[in-house]
Amino acid sequence: ELGRFEESRMEMRRALALDPLSRIINTNVGFGEYFARDYDAAIAQYRRALEQFPDFSYTWALLSMAHSMNGQHPEAVEAGRAALELAPGDKNYTQILAFALARAGSEAQARSLMASVLADSDPTRIALVQVALGDADEALGLLELAVDEGSPFIPELGDPAYDPIRADPRFQ
């Protein structure tokens, strides 16, 4: 995360102007807003994208994350379920729904979902749910493992969902 949110927003809007019918660009405009921690703008963009592409599971998944981070837990769970219904068995969407459930206070459901994909999951994805469950030590241990294993998801540690542990020296 370089924190160059305005530059990112400008580039994404330029891409959208060049290809307004691209479902990935429509969604990624919202992703830029999400990383800037402007969850209302992210949610609005994801909803616009879903008006055009209601069956795009990726948008539903990111909408779930934005709602979770915005404290809109029922909406987050609903969007997470929609993503998983469109892509049954997708482990990343399963983890996003588990994240939403954990943030909503449904710890048992979140843990049950995570157990179903645990063997095939990258440690960073499990850590994300552990953060939502409030288990910073477990999350940080998993992130250390991810670094040791060379996880391809290390660049995603800029995700605002990691903010609760970001100040911990072990996260650095």
Protein backbone atom coordinates (compact mmCIF):
# COMPACT_ATOMS: atom_id res chain seq x y z
CA GLU A 1 0.00 0.00 0.00
CA LEU A 2 1.59 3.22 -1.12
CA GLY A 3 -1.25 5.48 0.00
CA ARG A 4 -1.57 7.12 -3.42
CA PHE A 5 -5.35 6.98 -3.30
CA GLU A 6 -6.17 10.08 -5.31
CA GLU A 7 -3.85 9.00 -8.11
CA SER A 8 -5.40 5.54 -8.03
CA ARG A 9 -8.93 6.94 -8.13
CA MET A 10 -8.05 9.13 -11.09
CA GLU A 11 -6.53 6.23 -13.04
CA MET A 12 -9.47 3.93 -12.30
CA ARG A 13 -11.97 6.56 -13.43
CA ARG A 14 -9.93 7.04 -16.59
CA ALA A 15 -10.04 3.30 -17.23
CA LEU A 16 -13.79 3.30 -16.65
CA ALA A 17 -14.25 6.14 -19.14
CA LEU A 18 -12.29 4.13 -21.71
CA ASP A 19 -14.20 0.90 -21.10
CA PRO A 20 -17.49 1.58 -19.28
CA LEU A 21 -18.81 -1.92 -20.00
CA SER A 22 -15.96 -3.77 -18.29
CA ARG A 23 -17.24 -5.53 -15.21
CA ILE A 24 -13.77 -5.79 -13.68
CA ILE A 25 -13.05 -2.08 -14.16
CA ASN A 26 -16.47 -1.14 -12.77
CA THR A 27 -15.71 -3.26 -9.73
CA ASN A 28 -12.11 -2.11 -9.30
CA VAL A 29 -13.18 1.53 -9.17
CA GLY A 30 -14.90 0.54 -5.94
CA PHE A 31 -11.82 -1.38 -4.80
CA GLY A 32 -9.80 1.84 -4.97
CA GLU A 33 -12.38 3.57 -2.78
CA TYR A 34 -12.29 0.64 -0.35
CA PHE A 35 -8.51 0.85 0.04
CA ALA A 36 -8.84 4.59 0.62
CA ARG A 37 -11.21 3.60 3.44
CA ASP A 38 -14.08 5.49 1.82
CA TYR A 39 -16.50 2.63 2.35
CA ASP A 40 -19.63 4.58 1.41
CA ALA A 41 -18.11 5.44 -1.99
CA ALA A 42 -16.96 1.83 -2.45
CA ILE A 43 -20.42 0.50 -1.64
CA ALA A 44 -22.04 2.97 -4.04
CA GLN A 45 -19.66 1.93 -6.84
CA TYR A 46 -20.15 -1.78 -6.20
CA ARG A 47 -23.92 -1.25 -6.35
CA ARG A 48 -23.57 0.58 -9.68
CA ALA A 49 -21.45 -2.28 -10.98
CA LEU A 50 -24.02 -4.82 -9.80
CA GLU A 51 -26.79 -2.96 -11.64
CA GLN A 52 -24.93 -3.80 -14.86
CA PHE A 53 -23.46 -7.15 -13.83
CA PRO A 54 -25.66 -8.71 -11.12
CA ASP A 55 -24.09 -12.14 -11.55
CA PHE A 56 -20.46 -11.07 -10.99
CA SER A 57 -19.49 -12.85 -7.77
CA TYR A 58 -16.28 -10.81 -7.34
CA THR A 59 -18.30 -7.60 -6.97
CA TRP A 60 -20.59 -9.23 -4.41
CA ALA A 61 -17.54 -10.38 -2.43
CA LEU A 62 -15.98 -6.91 -2.38
CA LEU A 63 -19.34 -5.39 -1.48
CA SER A 64 -19.41 -7.75 1.49
CA MET A 65 -15.98 -6.55 2.63
CA ALA A 66 -16.97 -2.88 2.27
CA HIS A 67 -20.18 -3.39 4.24
CA SER A 68 -18.23 -5.29 6.92
CA MET A 69 -15.70 -2.52 7.28
CA ASN A 70 -18.52 0.06 7.34
CA GLY A 71 -20.21 -1.75 10.22
CA GLN A 72 -23.19 -2.81 8.10
CA HIS A 73 -23.12 -6.42 9.17
CA PRO A 74 -26.44 -7.80 7.87
CA GLU A 75 -25.70 -6.32 4.44
CA ALA A 76 -22.16 -7.75 4.57
CA VAL A 77 -23.41 -11.25 5.32
CA GLU A 78 -26.06 -11.00 2.61
CA ALA A 79 -23.52 -9.89 0.00
CA GLY A 80 -21.07 -12.58 1.11
CA ARG A 81 -23.76 -15.23 0.72
CA ALA A 82 -24.62 -13.87 -2.75
CA ALA A 83 -20.97 -14.17 -3.84
CA LEU A 84 -20.80 -17.75 -2.61
CA GLU A 85 -24.12 -18.66 -4.24
CA LEU A 86 -22.75 -17.44 -7.58
CA ALA A 87 -19.48 -19.31 -7.09
CA PRO A 88 -20.27 -22.32 -4.87
CA GLY A 89 -17.28 -23.74 -3.07
CA ASP A 90 -14.97 -20.82 -3.84
CA LYS A 91 -12.62 -20.78 -0.85
CA ASN A 92 -11.87 -17.04 -1.11
CA TYR A 93 -15.56 -16.19 -1.04
CA THR A 94 -16.05 -18.65 1.80
CA GLN A 95 -13.39 -16.75 3.74
CA ILE A 96 -15.03 -13.41 2.91
CA LEU A 97 -18.35 -14.69 4.22
CA ALA A 98 -16.56 -16.02 7.33
CA PHE A 99 -15.00 -12.57 7.77
CA ALA A 100 -18.45 -10.93 7.52
CA LEU A 101 -19.94 -13.41 9.98
CA ALA A 102 -17.08 -12.87 12.44
CA ARG A 103 -17.46 -9.09 12.26
CA ALA A 104 -21.21 -9.54 12.76
CA GLY A 105 -20.56 -11.48 15.96
CA SER A 106 -21.45 -14.92 14.57
CA GLU A 107 -18.22 -16.52 15.73
CA ALA A 108 -19.41 -20.14 15.61
CA GLN A 109 -20.66 -19.78 12.03
CA ALA A 110 -17.44 -18.06 10.98
CA ARG A 111 -15.28 -20.79 12.52
CA SER A 112 -17.42 -23.51 10.95
CA LEU A 113 -17.05 -21.98 7.49
CA MET A 114 -13.31 -21.58 7.92
CA ALA A 115 -12.98 -25.21 8.98
CA SER A 116 -14.49 -26.22 5.64
CA VAL A 117 -11.68 -24.56 3.65
CA LEU A 118 -8.81 -24.58 6.14
CA ALA A 119 -6.67 -27.23 4.47
CA ASP A 120 -6.66 -25.40 1.12
CA SER A 121 -6.31 -21.85 2.42
CA ASP A 122 -3.43 -19.42 2.25
CA PRO A 123 -2.37 -18.27 5.76
CA THR A 124 -3.12 -14.63 4.90
CA ARG A 125 -6.76 -15.50 4.19
CA ILE A 126 -7.11 -17.36 7.47
CA ALA A 127 -5.39 -14.48 9.27
CA LEU A 128 -7.96 -12.06 7.89
CA VAL A 129 -10.75 -14.01 9.58
CA GLN A 130 -8.69 -14.30 12.78
CA VAL A 131 -8.42 -10.50 12.84
CA ALA A 132 -12.21 -10.26 12.55
CA LEU A 133 -12.54 -12.78 15.38
CA GLY A 134 -10.29 -10.58 17.51
CA ASP A 135 -7.43 -13.08 17.74
CA ALA A 136 -4.46 -10.86 16.93
CA ASP A 137 -1.82 -13.36 18.11
CA GLU A 138 -3.18 -16.13 15.90
CA ALA A 139 -3.49 -13.73 12.94
CA LEU A 140 0.08 -12.47 13.36
CA GLY A 141 1.42 -16.01 13.64
CA LEU A 142 -0.34 -16.92 10.40
CA LEU A 143 1.09 -13.84 8.68
CA GLU A 144 4.60 -14.84 9.77
CA LEU A 145 3.95 -18.26 8.25
CA ALA A 146 2.71 -16.59 5.05
CA VAL A 147 5.94 -14.59 4.78
CA ASP A 148 8.04 -17.71 5.44
CA GLU A 149 6.11 -19.62 2.76
CA GLY A 150 6.30 -16.77 0.25
CA SER A 151 2.53 -16.34 -0.01
CA PRO A 152 1.42 -14.62 -3.21
CA PHE A 153 -1.11 -12.67 -1.11
CA ILE A 154 1.45 -10.68 0.90
CA PRO A 155 0.80 -7.56 -1.24
CA GLU A 156 -2.81 -7.63 -0.01
CA LEU A 157 -1.74 -6.84 3.54
CA GLY A 158 -2.63 -3.23 2.77
CA ASP A 159 -6.28 -4.29 3.05
CA PRO A 160 -8.05 -2.11 5.64
CA ALA A 161 -9.34 -5.31 7.26
CA TYR A 162 -5.85 -5.69 8.78
CA ASP A 163 -6.02 -2.23 10.40
CA PRO A 164 -6.73 -3.62 13.90
CA ILE A 165 -3.28 -5.26 13.94
CA ARG A 166 -1.38 -2.86 11.70
CA ALA A 167 0.27 -0.97 14.59
CA ASP A 168 1.60 -4.17 16.17
CA PRO A 169 5.40 -4.36 15.65
CA ARG A 170 5.03 -8.00 14.52
CA PHE A 171 2.84 -6.84 11.63
CA GLN A 172 5.56 -4.44 10.50
